[in-house]
């Protein structure tokens, strides 16, 4: 982590490197009044990711996934299942290449070049992840396989095709609760992708 004129890193301690990495970072932060304040925070490093909204203009549908997410389960999501756009970690790949691969693994759709719409931090208070979000138009002809994810990675992904008319009510009533998915669906609604 590089120092800046307003941040001086004092120490970085790895607390866990089991699944991803959890660090305790001690640093000095220059406040707006010019004084320096020592702080200690933890940051969870899980790598950067990419997600994509697949929309079928001809059929007026979007392609989503449904899968078990342990953190949502332990935080009160009764069955742990979340409806999401296809997404995954970059694993040292270009964001567009990563999302193309994730789409095929998770949904069975084979797409060309996706359109990038956002680059954002999902939970910047504790997680370092930077998420690259895309959209791509698909047709039924783009589906070349079953999808479902990679069994050896513990994935058991269900592919959903949801009508344009149903996605907003699914956000409103809580069936869709994943932030990246809501952001991409609202982007589609606001920019006229669904017209």
C-alpha atoms as a PDB file:
ATOM      1  CA  UNK A   1       0.000   0.000   0.000  1.00  0.00           C
ATOM      2  CA  UNK A   2       1.606   3.275  -1.046  1.00  0.00           C
ATOM      3  CA  UNK A   3       1.769   6.295   1.241  1.00  0.00           C
ATOM      4  CA  UNK A   4       0.082   9.481   0.044  1.00  0.00           C
ATOM      5  CA  UNK A   5       0.439  13.044   1.288  1.00  0.00           C
ATOM      6  CA  UNK A   6      -2.612  12.505   3.543  1.00  0.00           C
ATOM      7  CA  UNK A   7      -2.035   8.841   4.538  1.00  0.00           C
ATOM      8  CA  UNK A   8       1.059   7.222   6.076  1.00  0.00           C
ATOM      9  CA  UNK A   9       0.945   3.439   6.515  1.00  0.00           C
ATOM     10  CA  UNK A  10       2.585   2.361   9.761  1.00  0.00           C
ATOM     11  CA  UNK A  11       2.023  -1.419   9.830  1.00  0.00           C
ATOM     12  CA  UNK A  12       0.107  -4.151   7.995  1.00  0.00           C
ATOM     13  CA  UNK A  13      -0.584  -7.422   9.796  1.00  0.00           C
ATOM     14  CA  UNK A  14      -2.218 -10.422   8.124  1.00  0.00           C
ATOM     15  CA  UNK A  15      -4.866 -11.768  10.513  1.00  0.00           C
ATOM     16  CA  UNK A  16      -6.115 -14.535   8.224  1.00  0.00           C
ATOM     17  CA  UNK A  17      -5.203 -15.984   4.848  1.00  0.00           C
ATOM     18  CA  UNK A  18      -7.612 -18.912   4.939  1.00  0.00           C
ATOM     19  CA  UNK A  19     -10.110 -18.236   2.128  1.00  0.00           C
ATOM     20  CA  UNK A  20      -9.097 -14.695   1.261  1.00  0.00           C
ATOM     21  CA  UNK A  21      -6.978 -12.257   3.294  1.00  0.00           C
ATOM     22  CA  UNK A  22      -7.906 -10.197   6.330  1.00  0.00           C
ATOM     23  CA  UNK A  23      -5.450  -7.433   7.229  1.00  0.00           C
ATOM     24  CA  UNK A  24      -5.122  -5.093  10.195  1.00  0.00           C
ATOM     25  CA  UNK A  25      -3.677  -1.797   8.956  1.00  0.00           C
ATOM     26  CA  UNK A  26      -2.256   0.864  11.274  1.00  0.00           C
ATOM     27  CA  UNK A  27      -1.899   4.261   9.664  1.00  0.00           C
ATOM     28  CA  UNK A  28      -1.818   8.008  10.216  1.00  0.00           C
ATOM     29  CA  UNK A  29      -4.504  10.048   8.450  1.00  0.00           C
ATOM     30  CA  UNK A  30      -4.199  13.786   7.889  1.00  0.00           C
ATOM     31  CA  UNK A  31      -7.527  15.322   8.889  1.00  0.00           C
ATOM     32  CA  UNK A  32      -9.176  18.254   7.155  1.00  0.00           C
ATOM     33  CA  UNK A  33      -7.917  20.624   9.880  1.00  0.00           C
ATOM     34  CA  UNK A  34      -4.303  19.635   9.097  1.00  0.00           C
ATOM     35  CA  UNK A  35      -3.705  17.464  12.180  1.00  0.00           C
ATOM     36  CA  UNK A  36      -2.641  13.834  11.970  1.00  0.00           C
ATOM     37  CA  UNK A  37      -4.639  11.077  13.647  1.00  0.00           C
ATOM     38  CA  UNK A  38      -3.463   7.494  14.197  1.00  0.00           C
ATOM     39  CA  UNK A  39      -6.042   4.860  13.243  1.00  0.00           C
ATOM     40  CA  UNK A  40      -6.265   1.088  12.963  1.00  0.00           C
ATOM     41  CA  UNK A  41      -8.716  -0.633  10.622  1.00  0.00           C
ATOM     42  CA  UNK A  42      -9.259  -4.100   9.208  1.00  0.00           C
ATOM     43  CA  UNK A  43      -9.601  -4.684   5.470  1.00  0.00           C
ATOM     44  CA  UNK A  44     -10.805  -7.868   3.801  1.00  0.00           C
ATOM     45  CA  UNK A  45      -8.939  -8.558   0.547  1.00  0.00           C
ATOM     46  CA  UNK A  46     -10.909 -10.929  -1.676  1.00  0.00           C
ATOM     47  CA  UNK A  47      -9.797  -9.716  -5.085  1.00  0.00           C
ATOM     48  CA  UNK A  48     -11.624  -7.643  -7.659  1.00  0.00           C
ATOM     49  CA  UNK A  49     -14.625  -8.893  -9.574  1.00  0.00           C
ATOM     50  CA  UNK A  50     -16.923  -8.396 -12.521  1.00  0.00           C
ATOM     51  CA  UNK A  51     -20.656  -8.821 -13.034  1.00  0.00           C
ATOM     52  CA  UNK A  52     -22.983  -8.490 -16.016  1.00  0.00           C
ATOM     53  CA  UNK A  53     -26.637  -7.963 -16.820  1.00  0.00           C
ATOM     54  CA  UNK A  54     -27.704 -10.112 -19.766  1.00  0.00           C
ATOM     55  CA  UNK A  55     -30.865  -8.831 -21.422  1.00  0.00           C
ATOM     56  CA  UNK A  56     -32.898 -10.308 -24.236  1.00  0.00           C
ATOM     57  CA  UNK A  57     -34.614  -7.410 -25.978  1.00  0.00           C
ATOM     58  CA  UNK A  58     -36.649  -9.658 -28.321  1.00  0.00           C
ATOM     59  CA  UNK A  59     -38.121 -11.724 -25.469  1.00  0.00           C
ATOM     60  CA  UNK A  60     -38.144  -8.807 -22.985  1.00  0.00           C
ATOM     61  CA  UNK A  61     -36.276 -10.839 -20.362  1.00  0.00           C
ATOM     62  CA  UNK A  62     -33.113 -10.747 -18.280  1.00  0.00           C
ATOM     63  CA  UNK A  63     -30.927 -13.723 -17.421  1.00  0.00           C
ATOM     64  CA  UNK A  64     -30.207 -14.017 -13.701  1.00  0.00           C
ATOM     65  CA  UNK A  65     -28.805 -16.682 -11.402  1.00  0.00           C
ATOM     66  CA  UNK A  66     -29.905 -18.080  -8.061  1.00  0.00           C
ATOM     67  CA  UNK A  67     -27.411 -19.625  -5.654  1.00  0.00           C
ATOM     68  CA  UNK A  68     -26.626 -20.185  -1.987  1.00  0.00           C
ATOM     69  CA  UNK A  69     -24.594 -17.431  -0.309  1.00  0.00           C
ATOM     70  CA  UNK A  70     -23.377 -18.329   3.200  1.00  0.00           C
ATOM     71  CA  UNK A  71     -22.819 -14.734   4.423  1.00  0.00           C
ATOM     72  CA  UNK A  72     -26.433 -13.862   3.576  1.00  0.00           C
ATOM     73  CA  UNK A  73     -27.628 -17.008   5.365  1.00  0.00           C
ATOM     74  CA  UNK A  74     -25.755 -16.249   8.601  1.00  0.00           C
ATOM     75  CA  UNK A  75     -27.096 -12.674   8.475  1.00  0.00           C
ATOM     76  CA  UNK A  76     -30.779 -13.604   8.412  1.00  0.00           C
ATOM     77  CA  UNK A  77     -31.533 -14.611   4.806  1.00  0.00           C
ATOM     78  CA  UNK A  78     -33.556 -17.675   5.817  1.00  0.00           C
ATOM     79  CA  UNK A  79     -32.568 -20.043   2.998  1.00  0.00           C
ATOM     80  CA  UNK A  80     -29.334 -18.307   1.996  1.00  0.00           C
ATOM     81  CA  UNK A  81     -30.363 -18.162  -1.661  1.00  0.00           C
ATOM     82  CA  UNK A  82     -29.788 -14.941  -3.620  1.00  0.00           C
ATOM     83  CA  UNK A  83     -30.883 -13.914  -7.100  1.00  0.00           C
ATOM     84  CA  UNK A  84     -27.981 -12.209  -8.865  1.00  0.00           C
ATOM     85  CA  UNK A  85     -26.484 -11.257 -12.183  1.00  0.00           C
ATOM     86  CA  UNK A  86     -23.676 -13.585 -13.334  1.00  0.00           C
ATOM     87  CA  UNK A  87     -20.456 -12.501 -11.626  1.00  0.00           C
ATOM     88  CA  UNK A  88     -17.102 -13.669 -10.377  1.00  0.00           C
ATOM     89  CA  UNK A  89     -13.575 -12.764  -9.368  1.00  0.00           C
ATOM     90  CA  UNK A  90     -11.084 -11.512 -11.939  1.00  0.00           C
ATOM     91  CA  UNK A  91      -8.323 -13.923 -10.900  1.00  0.00           C
ATOM     92  CA  UNK A  92      -5.706 -11.812 -12.747  1.00  0.00           C
ATOM     93  CA  UNK A  93      -7.872 -11.610 -15.881  1.00  0.00           C
ATOM     94  CA  UNK A  94      -9.058  -8.529 -17.729  1.00  0.00           C
ATOM     95  CA  UNK A  95     -12.547  -7.631 -16.381  1.00  0.00           C
ATOM     96  CA  UNK A  96     -14.258  -8.196 -19.750  1.00  0.00           C
ATOM     97  CA  UNK A  97     -12.538 -11.574 -20.244  1.00  0.00           C
ATOM     98  CA  UNK A  98     -13.434 -12.621 -16.701  1.00  0.00           C
ATOM     99  CA  UNK A  99     -17.102 -11.734 -17.075  1.00  0.00           C
ATOM    100  CA  UNK A 100     -17.345 -13.524 -20.445  1.00  0.00           C
ATOM    101  CA  UNK A 101     -15.983 -16.693 -18.806  1.00  0.00           C
ATOM    102  CA  UNK A 102     -18.286 -16.353 -15.787  1.00  0.00           C
ATOM    103  CA  UNK A 103     -21.341 -15.961 -18.038  1.00  0.00           C
ATOM    104  CA  UNK A 104     -20.566 -19.200 -19.829  1.00  0.00           C
ATOM    105  CA  UNK A 105     -19.799 -21.126 -16.609  1.00  0.00           C
ATOM    106  CA  UNK A 106     -22.848 -19.877 -14.729  1.00  0.00           C
ATOM    107  CA  UNK A 107     -25.519 -19.558 -17.438  1.00  0.00           C
ATOM    108  CA  UNK A 108     -24.354 -21.462 -20.502  1.00  0.00           C
ATOM    109  CA  UNK A 109     -24.581 -18.288 -22.610  1.00  0.00           C
ATOM    110  CA  UNK A 110     -21.683 -17.441 -24.910  1.00  0.00           C
ATOM    111  CA  UNK A 111     -21.384 -13.697 -25.470  1.00  0.00           C
ATOM    112  CA  UNK A 112     -19.163 -11.355 -27.445  1.00  0.00           C
ATOM    113  CA  UNK A 113     -17.735  -8.115 -26.128  1.00  0.00           C
ATOM    114  CA  UNK A 114     -19.741  -6.784 -23.161  1.00  0.00           C
ATOM    115  CA  UNK A 115     -20.384  -3.065 -22.618  1.00  0.00           C
ATOM    116  CA  UNK A 116     -18.800  -1.684 -19.430  1.00  0.00           C
ATOM    117  CA  UNK A 117     -21.094   0.636 -17.475  1.00  0.00           C
ATOM    118  CA  UNK A 118     -19.604   0.957 -13.962  1.00  0.00           C
ATOM    119  CA  UNK A 119     -16.471   0.447 -11.896  1.00  0.00           C
ATOM    120  CA  UNK A 120     -17.292   0.726  -8.193  1.00  0.00           C
ATOM    121  CA  UNK A 121     -16.559  -0.324  -4.625  1.00  0.00           C
ATOM    122  CA  UNK A 122     -19.373  -2.358  -3.060  1.00  0.00           C
ATOM    123  CA  UNK A 123     -18.468  -2.176   0.643  1.00  0.00           C
ATOM    124  CA  UNK A 124     -15.558   0.281   0.990  1.00  0.00           C
ATOM    125  CA  UNK A 125     -15.705   0.432   4.785  1.00  0.00           C
ATOM    126  CA  UNK A 126     -14.282  -3.071   5.123  1.00  0.00           C
ATOM    127  CA  UNK A 127     -13.772  -4.838   1.770  1.00  0.00           C
ATOM    128  CA  UNK A 128     -11.159  -3.854  -0.830  1.00  0.00           C
ATOM    129  CA  UNK A 129     -13.082  -5.356  -3.786  1.00  0.00           C
ATOM    130  CA  UNK A 130     -13.490  -3.201  -6.871  1.00  0.00           C
ATOM    131  CA  UNK A 131     -16.340  -4.419  -9.053  1.00  0.00           C
ATOM    132  CA  UNK A 132     -16.522  -3.926 -12.832  1.00  0.00           C
ATOM    133  CA  UNK A 133     -20.119  -4.033 -14.100  1.00  0.00           C
ATOM    134  CA  UNK A 134     -21.216  -4.728 -17.665  1.00  0.00           C
ATOM    135  CA  UNK A 135     -24.310  -5.240 -19.807  1.00  0.00           C
ATOM    136  CA  UNK A 136     -24.761  -7.385 -22.918  1.00  0.00           C
ATOM    137  CA  UNK A 137     -27.693  -8.089 -25.178  1.00  0.00           C
ATOM    138  CA  UNK A 138     -28.341 -11.776 -25.826  1.00  0.00           C
ATOM    139  CA  UNK A 139     -30.748 -13.911 -27.827  1.00  0.00           C
ATOM    140  CA  UNK A 140     -31.806 -17.519 -27.340  1.00  0.00           C
ATOM    141  CA  UNK A 141     -29.087 -18.472 -29.848  1.00  0.00           C
ATOM    142  CA  UNK A 142     -26.389 -17.329 -27.387  1.00  0.00           C
ATOM    143  CA  UNK A 143     -27.218 -20.174 -24.997  1.00  0.00           C
ATOM    144  CA  UNK A 144     -24.916 -23.057 -25.850  1.00  0.00           C
ATOM    145  CA  UNK A 145     -24.850 -24.962 -22.563  1.00  0.00           C
ATOM    146  CA  UNK A 146     -26.669 -25.556 -19.294  1.00  0.00           C
ATOM    147  CA  UNK A 147     -24.512 -23.366 -17.059  1.00  0.00           C
ATOM    148  CA  UNK A 148     -24.770 -24.141 -13.360  1.00  0.00           C
ATOM    149  CA  UNK A 149     -21.259 -23.123 -12.349  1.00  0.00           C
ATOM    150  CA  UNK A 150     -18.263 -25.254 -11.477  1.00  0.00           C
ATOM    151  CA  UNK A 151     -19.103 -28.205  -9.249  1.00  0.00           C
ATOM    152  CA  UNK A 152     -15.497 -28.513  -7.979  1.00  0.00           C
ATOM    153  CA  UNK A 153     -15.785 -24.924  -6.684  1.00  0.00           C
ATOM    154  CA  UNK A 154     -18.992 -25.798  -4.809  1.00  0.00           C
ATOM    155  CA  UNK A 155     -21.258 -23.954  -7.247  1.00  0.00           C
ATOM    156  CA  UNK A 156     -24.838 -25.125  -7.787  1.00  0.00           C
ATOM    157  CA  UNK A 157     -26.272 -22.245  -9.808  1.00  0.00           C
ATOM    158  CA  UNK A 158     -29.809 -22.090 -11.141  1.00  0.00           C
ATOM    159  CA  UNK A 159     -30.379 -20.020 -14.305  1.00  0.00           C
ATOM    160  CA  UNK A 160     -33.460 -17.791 -14.283  1.00  0.00           C
ATOM    161  CA  UNK A 161     -35.064 -15.932 -17.167  1.00  0.00           C
ATOM    162  CA  UNK A 162     -37.169 -13.105 -15.755  1.00  0.00           C
ATOM    163  CA  UNK A 163     -39.449 -10.784 -17.707  1.00  0.00           C
ATOM    164  CA  UNK A 164     -38.722  -7.058 -17.744  1.00  0.00           C
ATOM    165  CA  UNK A 165     -42.090  -6.493 -16.082  1.00  0.00           C
ATOM    166  CA  UNK A 166     -41.230  -8.717 -13.116  1.00  0.00           C
ATOM    167  CA  UNK A 167     -37.759  -7.426 -12.158  1.00  0.00           C
ATOM    168  CA  UNK A 168     -38.823  -4.165 -10.494  1.00  0.00           C
ATOM    169  CA  UNK A 169     -41.456  -5.869  -8.310  1.00  0.00           C
ATOM    170  CA  UNK A 170     -38.814  -8.461  -7.368  1.00  0.00           C
ATOM    171  CA  UNK A 171     -36.602  -5.641  -6.071  1.00  0.00           C
ATOM    172  CA  UNK A 172     -39.486  -3.949  -4.291  1.00  0.00           C
ATOM    173  CA  UNK A 173     -40.709  -7.093  -2.518  1.00  0.00           C
ATOM    174  CA  UNK A 174     -37.199  -8.288  -1.572  1.00  0.00           C
ATOM    175  CA  UNK A 175     -36.822 -11.303  -3.845  1.00  0.00           C
ATOM    176  CA  UNK A 176     -33.809  -9.528  -5.400  1.00  0.00           C
ATOM    177  CA  UNK A 177     -31.546  -8.196  -2.626  1.00  0.00           C
ATOM    178  CA  UNK A 178     -28.096  -8.282  -4.214  1.00  0.00           C
ATOM    179  CA  UNK A 179     -26.615  -4.775  -4.631  1.00  0.00           C
ATOM    180  CA  UNK A 180     -24.769  -5.297  -7.932  1.00  0.00           C
ATOM    181  CA  UNK A 181     -27.909  -6.801  -9.449  1.00  0.00           C
ATOM    182  CA  UNK A 182     -30.112  -3.944  -8.286  1.00  0.00           C
ATOM    183  CA  UNK A 183     -27.608  -1.382  -9.587  1.00  0.00           C
ATOM    184  CA  UNK A 184     -27.499  -3.014 -13.029  1.00  0.00           C
ATOM    185  CA  UNK A 185     -31.285  -3.441 -13.231  1.00  0.00           C
ATOM    186  CA  UNK A 186     -31.850   0.186 -12.272  1.00  0.00           C
ATOM    187  CA  UNK A 187     -29.243   1.227 -14.849  1.00  0.00           C
ATOM    188  CA  UNK A 188     -31.180  -0.722 -17.490  1.00  0.00           C
ATOM    189  CA  UNK A 189     -34.456   0.880 -16.462  1.00  0.00           C
ATOM    190  CA  UNK A 190     -33.020   4.412 -16.347  1.00  0.00           C
ATOM    191  CA  UNK A 191     -31.147   4.195 -19.645  1.00  0.00           C
ATOM    192  CA  UNK A 192     -33.905   2.562 -21.656  1.00  0.00           C
ATOM    193  CA  UNK A 193     -32.255  -0.830 -22.237  1.00  0.00           C
ATOM    194  CA  UNK A 194     -35.634  -2.405 -21.579  1.00  0.00           C
ATOM    195  CA  UNK A 195     -37.427  -0.401 -24.267  1.00  0.00           C
END
